[in-house]
Amino acid sequence: MAKIHMVLQGKGGVGKSFVSALIAQYKSEKGQTPICFDTDPVNATFAGYKSLNVNPLKIMDGDEINPRNFDSLIEQIATIEQDVIIDNGAATFVPLAHYLLSNEIPELLASMGHQLIIHTVVTGGQALLDTVNGFNQLAKQFAEPSLFVVWLNPYWGAVEHEGRSFEELKAYKNNKERVSAIVPIPEFKKETFGHDLSDLLSDRLTFDEALEAEGLTIMTKQRLKLIKKQLFEVMDIAEVI
């Protein structure tokens, strides 16, 4: 049985591609070889990670998204044995979500012996309520057997509303039984650790590539090594990954 990890969130710029790349690197660290797809026709960030061998999915016909082009994605993963990671951009969120639901893809995947795991990002700052609402809507729309993993990204601020943590919010309480894991991304000091991580993401490098690069300083590599360790330790707790 393959796990189909699909990263979904209607809000752009919240770290979906970062999460996708993390899952791919984490699985590689565990000796797995996941099959990766990028469905974003506008900003294919995930596909920019050359060492992850991400397959860009052609879903555009001219200037418009053709939902039938998602058929090729299902055909490719139907008989696959390795785990799959799918990064979906904000531009294709609504078409893909509608396609999955109207064609009963979660049920189809389950009948094939696959397990659909929906990863969604909730971020602090101005996008907090939008991303919380996005999670809430996904949890309502995607019934079992779909599983959920919620990633809490504090890059733009603490993931809390009026002093209440995500776990204390109504959206989580109403959907608590649907959530298999919550992955809190550590908050990294922007001047040092955060700066190095931002550069890593901008260059579309994996942690291992950066640690082997000749142009990086000793301390930059040390901080990236520690960031990788912290992130992977947090992900270890989420056994569903």
C-alpha atoms as a PDB file:
ATOM      1  CA  MET A   1       0.000   0.000   0.000  1.00  0.00           C
ATOM      2  CA  ALA A   2       1.350   3.414  -0.967  1.00  0.00           C
ATOM      3  CA  LYS A   3       0.774   6.568   1.005  1.00  0.00           C
ATOM      4  CA  ILE A   4      -0.350   9.441  -1.221  1.00  0.00           C
ATOM      5  CA  HIS A   5       0.810  12.628   0.494  1.00  0.00           C
ATOM      6  CA  MET A   6      -1.059  15.597  -0.983  1.00  0.00           C
ATOM      7  CA  VAL A   7      -0.226  19.126   0.201  1.00  0.00           C
ATOM      8  CA  LEU A   8      -3.344  21.295  -0.057  1.00  0.00           C
ATOM      9  CA  GLN A   9      -4.056  24.854   1.107  1.00  0.00           C
ATOM     10  CA  GLY A  10      -5.910  27.559  -0.793  1.00  0.00           C
ATOM     11  CA  LYS A  11      -3.744  30.382   0.556  1.00  0.00           C
ATOM     12  CA  GLY A  12      -0.563  31.062  -1.398  1.00  0.00           C
ATOM     13  CA  GLY A  13       2.871  31.655   0.090  1.00  0.00           C
ATOM     14  CA  VAL A  14       2.339  29.747   3.320  1.00  0.00           C
ATOM     15  CA  GLY A  15       5.019  27.081   2.848  1.00  0.00           C
ATOM     16  CA  LYS A  16       3.333  24.274   0.888  1.00  0.00           C
ATOM     17  CA  SER A  17       6.361  23.607  -1.309  1.00  0.00           C
ATOM     18  CA  PHE A  18       8.607  23.749   1.762  1.00  0.00           C
ATOM     19  CA  VAL A  19       6.487  21.061   3.395  1.00  0.00           C
ATOM     20  CA  SER A  20       6.506  18.959   0.216  1.00  0.00           C
ATOM     21  CA  ALA A  21      10.295  19.171  -0.020  1.00  0.00           C
ATOM     22  CA  LEU A  22      10.630  18.315   3.678  1.00  0.00           C
ATOM     23  CA  ILE A  23       8.499  15.195   3.316  1.00  0.00           C
ATOM     24  CA  ALA A  24      10.534  14.079   0.302  1.00  0.00           C
ATOM     25  CA  GLN A  25      13.841  14.608   2.119  1.00  0.00           C
ATOM     26  CA  TYR A  26      12.559  12.938   5.273  1.00  0.00           C
ATOM     27  CA  LYS A  27      11.495   9.835   3.354  1.00  0.00           C
ATOM     28  CA  SER A  28      14.820   9.754   1.531  1.00  0.00           C
ATOM     29  CA  GLU A  29      16.584   9.886   4.914  1.00  0.00           C
ATOM     30  CA  LYS A  30      14.548   6.831   5.906  1.00  0.00           C
ATOM     31  CA  GLY A  31      15.761   4.934   2.835  1.00  0.00           C
ATOM     32  CA  GLN A  32      12.612   5.438   0.771  1.00  0.00           C
ATOM     33  CA  THR A  33      12.343   6.746  -2.797  1.00  0.00           C
ATOM     34  CA  PRO A  34       9.088   8.707  -3.059  1.00  0.00           C
ATOM     35  CA  ILE A  35       7.606   9.732  -6.397  1.00  0.00           C
ATOM     36  CA  CYS A  36       7.071  13.498  -6.455  1.00  0.00           C
ATOM     37  CA  PHE A  37       4.660  15.631  -8.495  1.00  0.00           C
ATOM     38  CA  ASP A  38       4.139  19.391  -8.820  1.00  0.00           C
ATOM     39  CA  THR A  39       0.736  20.512 -10.124  1.00  0.00           C
ATOM     40  CA  ASP A  40       1.350  24.270  -9.888  1.00  0.00           C
ATOM     41  CA  PRO A  41       1.353  25.794 -13.413  1.00  0.00           C
ATOM     42  CA  VAL A  42       2.251  29.280 -12.152  1.00  0.00           C
ATOM     43  CA  ASN A  43       5.010  28.831  -9.572  1.00  0.00           C
ATOM     44  CA  ALA A  44       6.383  25.295  -9.709  1.00  0.00           C
ATOM     45  CA  THR A  45       8.633  25.688  -6.670  1.00  0.00           C
ATOM     46  CA  PHE A  46       8.682  22.007  -5.751  1.00  0.00           C
ATOM     47  CA  ALA A  47       9.764  21.072  -9.271  1.00  0.00           C
ATOM     48  CA  GLY A  48      12.732  23.399  -8.804  1.00  0.00           C
ATOM     49  CA  TYR A  49      14.385  20.852  -6.480  1.00  0.00           C
ATOM     50  CA  LYS A  50      16.368  19.012  -9.143  1.00  0.00           C
ATOM     51  CA  SER A  51      17.720  16.327  -6.819  1.00  0.00           C
ATOM     52  CA  LEU A  52      14.189  15.314  -5.775  1.00  0.00           C
ATOM     53  CA  ASN A  53      13.262  14.401  -9.361  1.00  0.00           C
ATOM     54  CA  VAL A  54       9.885  16.119  -9.155  1.00  0.00           C
ATOM     55  CA  ASN A  55       7.532  15.489 -12.072  1.00  0.00           C
ATOM     56  CA  PRO A  56       5.718  18.648 -13.231  1.00  0.00           C
ATOM     57  CA  LEU A  57       2.144  17.858 -14.214  1.00  0.00           C
ATOM     58  CA  LYS A  58       0.835  19.573 -17.349  1.00  0.00           C
ATOM     59  CA  ILE A  59      -2.685  20.698 -16.521  1.00  0.00           C
ATOM     60  CA  MET A  60      -3.034  23.778 -18.737  1.00  0.00           C
ATOM     61  CA  ASP A  61      -4.740  23.885 -22.133  1.00  0.00           C
ATOM     62  CA  GLY A  62      -3.704  27.257 -23.433  1.00  0.00           C
ATOM     63  CA  ASP A  63      -4.426  29.786 -20.707  1.00  0.00           C
ATOM     64  CA  GLU A  64      -6.959  27.648 -18.840  1.00  0.00           C
ATOM     65  CA  ILE A  65      -6.763  24.713 -16.450  1.00  0.00           C
ATOM     66  CA  ASN A  66      -8.292  21.553 -17.890  1.00  0.00           C
ATOM     67  CA  PRO A  67      -9.435  19.348 -14.979  1.00  0.00           C
ATOM     68  CA  ARG A  68      -9.259  16.265 -17.213  1.00  0.00           C
ATOM     69  CA  ASN A  69      -5.496  16.645 -17.199  1.00  0.00           C
ATOM     70  CA  PHE A  70      -5.573  15.530 -13.560  1.00  0.00           C
ATOM     71  CA  ASP A  71      -6.529  12.092 -14.950  1.00  0.00           C
ATOM     72  CA  SER A  72      -2.898  11.509 -15.876  1.00  0.00           C
ATOM     73  CA  LEU A  73      -1.882  11.993 -12.246  1.00  0.00           C
ATOM     74  CA  ILE A  74      -4.295   9.307 -11.072  1.00  0.00           C
ATOM     75  CA  GLU A  75      -3.166   6.972 -13.876  1.00  0.00           C
ATOM     76  CA  GLN A  76       0.463   7.384 -12.814  1.00  0.00           C
ATOM     77  CA  ILE A  77      -0.135   6.664  -9.132  1.00  0.00           C
ATOM     78  CA  ALA A  78      -2.766   3.942  -9.586  1.00  0.00           C
ATOM     79  CA  THR A  79      -0.370   1.005  -9.591  1.00  0.00           C
ATOM     80  CA  ILE A  80       2.571   2.622  -7.866  1.00  0.00           C
ATOM     81  CA  GLU A  81       4.209   0.980  -4.862  1.00  0.00           C
ATOM     82  CA  GLN A  82       6.369   3.833  -3.574  1.00  0.00           C
ATOM     83  CA  ASP A  83       4.905   6.647  -1.529  1.00  0.00           C
ATOM     84  CA  VAL A  84       3.817   9.708  -3.519  1.00  0.00           C
ATOM     85  CA  ILE A  85       4.169  13.414  -2.695  1.00  0.00           C
ATOM     86  CA  ILE A  86       1.990  15.931  -4.555  1.00  0.00           C
ATOM     87  CA  ASP A  87       2.496  19.677  -4.157  1.00  0.00           C
ATOM     88  CA  ASN A  88      -0.513  21.694  -5.285  1.00  0.00           C
ATOM     89  CA  GLY A  89      -0.294  25.447  -5.770  1.00  0.00           C
ATOM     90  CA  ALA A  90      -2.885  28.035  -4.780  1.00  0.00           C
ATOM     91  CA  ALA A  91      -3.777  28.590  -8.448  1.00  0.00           C
ATOM     92  CA  THR A  92      -4.916  24.986  -8.849  1.00  0.00           C
ATOM     93  CA  PHE A  93      -6.365  24.457  -5.372  1.00  0.00           C
ATOM     94  CA  VAL A  94     -10.034  24.881  -6.304  1.00  0.00           C
ATOM     95  CA  PRO A  95      -9.869  22.875  -9.568  1.00  0.00           C
ATOM     96  CA  LEU A  96      -7.945  20.007  -7.958  1.00  0.00           C
ATOM     97  CA  ALA A  97     -10.141  19.884  -4.847  1.00  0.00           C
ATOM     98  CA  HIS A  98     -13.267  19.824  -7.018  1.00  0.00           C
ATOM     99  CA  TYR A  99     -11.765  17.126  -9.228  1.00  0.00           C
ATOM    100  CA  LEU A 100     -10.851  14.936  -6.251  1.00  0.00           C
ATOM    101  CA  LEU A 101     -14.280  15.237  -4.678  1.00  0.00           C
ATOM    102  CA  SER A 102     -16.491  15.041  -7.778  1.00  0.00           C
ATOM    103  CA  ASN A 103     -14.618  11.975  -9.045  1.00  0.00           C
ATOM    104  CA  GLU A 104     -14.507  10.387  -5.569  1.00  0.00           C
ATOM    105  CA  ILE A 105     -10.739  10.010  -5.802  1.00  0.00           C
ATOM    106  CA  PRO A 106     -10.160   9.341  -2.067  1.00  0.00           C
ATOM    107  CA  GLU A 107     -12.491   6.349  -2.267  1.00  0.00           C
ATOM    108  CA  LEU A 108     -10.910   5.221  -5.543  1.00  0.00           C
ATOM    109  CA  LEU A 109      -7.422   5.341  -4.066  1.00  0.00           C
ATOM    110  CA  ALA A 110      -8.598   3.405  -1.024  1.00  0.00           C
ATOM    111  CA  SER A 111     -10.068   0.711  -3.279  1.00  0.00           C
ATOM    112  CA  MET A 112      -6.615   0.419  -4.891  1.00  0.00           C
ATOM    113  CA  GLY A 113      -5.046  -0.121  -1.496  1.00  0.00           C
ATOM    114  CA  HIS A 114      -3.601   3.391  -1.243  1.00  0.00           C
ATOM    115  CA  GLN A 115      -3.919   5.774   1.684  1.00  0.00           C
ATOM    116  CA  LEU A 116      -4.594   9.467   0.980  1.00  0.00           C
ATOM    117  CA  ILE A 117      -2.975  11.795   3.492  1.00  0.00           C
ATOM    118  CA  ILE A 118      -3.823  15.476   3.127  1.00  0.00           C
ATOM    119  CA  HIS A 119      -1.199  17.853   4.478  1.00  0.00           C
ATOM    120  CA  THR A 120      -2.344  21.421   5.082  1.00  0.00           C
ATOM    121  CA  VAL A 121      -0.408  24.407   6.408  1.00  0.00           C
ATOM    122  CA  VAL A 122      -1.677  26.787   9.080  1.00  0.00           C
ATOM    123  CA  THR A 123       0.457  29.891   9.500  1.00  0.00           C
ATOM    124  CA  GLY A 124       0.657  32.756  11.951  1.00  0.00           C
ATOM    125  CA  GLY A 125       0.300  36.438  11.171  1.00  0.00           C
ATOM    126  CA  GLN A 126      -2.223  37.921   8.745  1.00  0.00           C
ATOM    127  CA  ALA A 127      -2.881  34.599   7.002  1.00  0.00           C
ATOM    128  CA  LEU A 128      -3.823  32.781  10.223  1.00  0.00           C
ATOM    129  CA  LEU A 129      -7.602  32.941   9.875  1.00  0.00           C
ATOM    130  CA  ASP A 130      -7.480  32.204   6.140  1.00  0.00           C
ATOM    131  CA  THR A 131      -5.366  29.084   6.654  1.00  0.00           C
ATOM    132  CA  VAL A 132      -7.427  27.926   9.650  1.00  0.00           C
ATOM    133  CA  ASN A 133     -10.564  28.311   7.566  1.00  0.00           C
ATOM    134  CA  GLY A 134      -8.853  26.459   4.725  1.00  0.00           C
ATOM    135  CA  PHE A 135      -8.139  23.528   7.035  1.00  0.00           C
ATOM    136  CA  ASN A 136     -11.707  23.593   8.326  1.00  0.00           C
ATOM    137  CA  GLN A 137     -13.175  23.470   4.819  1.00  0.00           C
ATOM    138  CA  LEU A 138     -10.876  20.639   3.741  1.00  0.00           C
ATOM    139  CA  ALA A 139     -11.773  18.590   6.807  1.00  0.00           C
ATOM    140  CA  LYS A 140     -15.478  19.037   6.054  1.00  0.00           C
ATOM    141  CA  GLN A 141     -15.153  18.233   2.363  1.00  0.00           C
ATOM    142  CA  PHE A 142     -12.808  15.260   2.533  1.00  0.00           C
ATOM    143  CA  ALA A 143     -14.452  12.553   4.585  1.00  0.00           C
ATOM    144  CA  GLU A 144     -12.823   9.325   5.694  1.00  0.00           C
ATOM    145  CA  PRO A 145     -10.779   7.435   4.575  1.00  0.00           C
ATOM    146  CA  SER A 146      -8.719  10.609   3.990  1.00  0.00           C
ATOM    147  CA  LEU A 147      -6.310  11.439   6.815  1.00  0.00           C
ATOM    148  CA  PHE A 148      -5.035  14.886   7.791  1.00  0.00           C
ATOM    149  CA  VAL A 149      -1.690  16.254   8.904  1.00  0.00           C
ATOM    150  CA  VAL A 150      -1.631  19.914   9.979  1.00  0.00           C
ATOM    151  CA  TRP A 151       1.644  21.821   9.760  1.00  0.00           C
ATOM    152  CA  LEU A 152       1.947  24.889  12.001  1.00  0.00           C
ATOM    153  CA  ASN A 153       4.261  27.472  10.403  1.00  0.00           C
ATOM    154  CA  PRO A 154       5.307  30.346  12.734  1.00  0.00           C
ATOM    155  CA  TYR A 155       7.423  32.186  10.136  1.00  0.00           C
ATOM    156  CA  TRP A 156       5.012  35.151   9.980  1.00  0.00           C
ATOM    157  CA  GLY A 157       4.085  35.065  13.653  1.00  0.00           C
ATOM    158  CA  ALA A 158       2.828  32.829  16.415  1.00  0.00           C
ATOM    159  CA  VAL A 159       0.140  30.378  15.321  1.00  0.00           C
ATOM    160  CA  GLU A 160      -2.469  31.586  17.792  1.00  0.00           C
ATOM    161  CA  HIS A 161      -5.600  33.730  17.773  1.00  0.00           C
ATOM    162  CA  GLU A 162      -6.439  36.030  20.676  1.00  0.00           C
ATOM    163  CA  GLY A 163      -4.099  34.078  22.922  1.00  0.00           C
ATOM    164  CA  ARG A 164      -5.487  30.686  21.900  1.00  0.00           C
ATOM    165  CA  SER A 165      -3.308  28.058  20.270  1.00  0.00           C
ATOM    166  CA  PHE A 166      -4.405  26.164  17.165  1.00  0.00           C
ATOM    167  CA  GLU A 167      -5.447  23.217  19.311  1.00  0.00           C
ATOM    168  CA  GLU A 168      -7.769  25.544  21.270  1.00  0.00           C
ATOM    169  CA  LEU A 169      -9.532  26.933  18.202  1.00  0.00           C
ATOM    170  CA  LYS A 170     -13.028  25.816  17.238  1.00  0.00           C
ATOM    171  CA  ALA A 171     -11.897  24.662  13.778  1.00  0.00           C
ATOM    172  CA  TYR A 172      -9.530  22.132  15.323  1.00  0.00           C
ATOM    173  CA  LYS A 173     -11.874  21.014  18.084  1.00  0.00           C
ATOM    174  CA  ASN A 174     -14.633  20.329  15.547  1.00  0.00           C
ATOM    175  CA  ASN A 175     -12.293  18.241  13.387  1.00  0.00           C
ATOM    176  CA  LYS A 176      -9.933  16.820  15.999  1.00  0.00           C
ATOM    177  CA  GLU A 177     -10.747  13.198  15.212  1.00  0.00           C
ATOM    178  CA  ARG A 178      -9.813  13.748  11.557  1.00  0.00           C
ATOM    179  CA  VAL A 179      -6.294  14.953  12.365  1.00  0.00           C
ATOM    180  CA  SER A 180      -3.719  12.168  12.503  1.00  0.00           C
ATOM    181  CA  ALA A 181      -0.843  14.479  13.421  1.00  0.00           C
ATOM    182  CA  ILE A 182       0.099  18.087  14.066  1.00  0.00           C
ATOM    183  CA  VAL A 183       3.620  19.055  12.997  1.00  0.00           C
ATOM    184  CA  PRO A 184       4.824  22.285  14.649  1.00  0.00           C
ATOM    185  CA  ILE A 185       7.624  23.775  12.551  1.00  0.00           C
ATOM    186  CA  PRO A 186      10.202  25.221  14.969  1.00  0.00           C
ATOM    187  CA  GLU A 187      10.645  29.001  15.027  1.00  0.00           C
ATOM    188  CA  PHE A 188      14.147  29.805  13.834  1.00  0.00           C
ATOM    189  CA  LYS A 189      15.931  33.047  14.739  1.00  0.00           C
ATOM    190  CA  LYS A 190      15.749  35.093  11.536  1.00  0.00           C
ATOM    191  CA  GLU A 191      19.215  36.661  11.787  1.00  0.00           C
ATOM    192  CA  THR A 192      21.027  33.310  11.889  1.00  0.00           C
ATOM    193  CA  PHE A 193      19.141  30.036  11.497  1.00  0.00           C
ATOM    194  CA  GLY A 194      16.213  31.648   9.679  1.00  0.00           C
ATOM    195  CA  HIS A 195      18.514  33.482   7.283  1.00  0.00           C
ATOM    196  CA  ASP A 196      20.340  30.297   6.340  1.00  0.00           C
ATOM    197  CA  LEU A 197      17.071  28.417   5.877  1.00  0.00           C
ATOM    198  CA  SER A 198      15.688  31.187   3.639  1.00  0.00           C
ATOM    199  CA  ASP A 199      18.793  31.025   1.463  1.00  0.00           C
ATOM    200  CA  LEU A 200      18.462  27.243   1.251  1.00  0.00           C
ATOM    201  CA  LEU A 201      14.847  27.536   0.100  1.00  0.00           C
ATOM    202  CA  SER A 202      15.642  30.292  -2.394  1.00  0.00           C
ATOM    203  CA  ASP A 203      18.360  28.146  -3.955  1.00  0.00           C
ATOM    204  CA  ARG A 204      16.037  25.098  -4.106  1.00  0.00           C
ATOM    205  CA  LEU A 205      18.629  22.964  -2.365  1.00  0.00           C
ATOM    206  CA  THR A 206      18.043  19.993  -0.117  1.00  0.00           C
ATOM    207  CA  PHE A 207      19.772  19.900   3.249  1.00  0.00           C
ATOM    208  CA  ASP A 208      22.159  17.194   2.050  1.00  0.00           C
ATOM    209  CA  GLU A 209      23.100  19.200  -1.044  1.00  0.00           C
ATOM    210  CA  ALA A 210      23.844  22.268   1.075  1.00  0.00           C
ATOM    211  CA  LEU A 211      25.900  20.298   3.567  1.00  0.00           C
ATOM    212  CA  GLU A 212      28.054  19.005   0.714  1.00  0.00           C
ATOM    213  CA  ALA A 213      28.381  22.369  -1.072  1.00  0.00           C
ATOM    214  CA  GLU A 214      31.858  23.895  -1.186  1.00  0.00           C
ATOM    215  CA  GLY A 215      30.772  27.538  -1.093  1.00  0.00           C
ATOM    216  CA  LEU A 216      29.014  27.544   2.287  1.00  0.00           C
ATOM    217  CA  THR A 217      30.738  28.498   5.528  1.00  0.00           C
ATOM    218  CA  ILE A 218      31.315  26.087   8.397  1.00  0.00           C
ATOM    219  CA  MET A 219      28.761  27.832  10.609  1.00  0.00           C
ATOM    220  CA  THR A 220      26.115  27.988   7.888  1.00  0.00           C
ATOM    221  CA  LYS A 221      26.448  24.224   7.431  1.00  0.00           C
ATOM    222  CA  GLN A 222      26.338  23.722  11.192  1.00  0.00           C
ATOM    223  CA  ARG A 223      23.095  25.676  11.503  1.00  0.00           C
ATOM    224  CA  LEU A 224      21.522  23.879   8.531  1.00  0.00           C
ATOM    225  CA  LYS A 225      22.512  20.552  10.077  1.00  0.00           C
ATOM    226  CA  LEU A 226      20.773  21.562  13.310  1.00  0.00           C
ATOM    227  CA  ILE A 227      17.677  22.793  11.460  1.00  0.00           C
ATOM    228  CA  LYS A 228      17.406  19.492   9.612  1.00  0.00           C
ATOM    229  CA  LYS A 229      17.776  17.602  12.896  1.00  0.00           C
ATOM    230  CA  GLN A 230      15.049  19.651  14.606  1.00  0.00           C
ATOM    231  CA  LEU A 231      12.620  19.332  11.701  1.00  0.00           C
ATOM    232  CA  PHE A 232      13.116  15.602  11.283  1.00  0.00           C
ATOM    233  CA  GLU A 233      12.722  15.022  15.031  1.00  0.00           C
ATOM    234  CA  VAL A 234       9.366  16.799  14.923  1.00  0.00           C
ATOM    235  CA  MET A 235       8.341  14.736  11.908  1.00  0.00           C
ATOM    236  CA  ASP A 236       9.325  11.514  13.679  1.00  0.00           C
ATOM    237  CA  ILE A 237       6.400  12.094  16.043  1.00  0.00           C
ATOM    238  CA  ALA A 238       3.954  12.167  13.125  1.00  0.00           C
ATOM    239  CA  GLU A 239       4.022   8.435  12.455  1.00  0.00           C
ATOM    240  CA  VAL A 240       1.544   8.760   9.584  1.00  0.00           C
ATOM    241  CA  ILE A 241       4.273  10.396   7.469  1.00  0.00           C
END
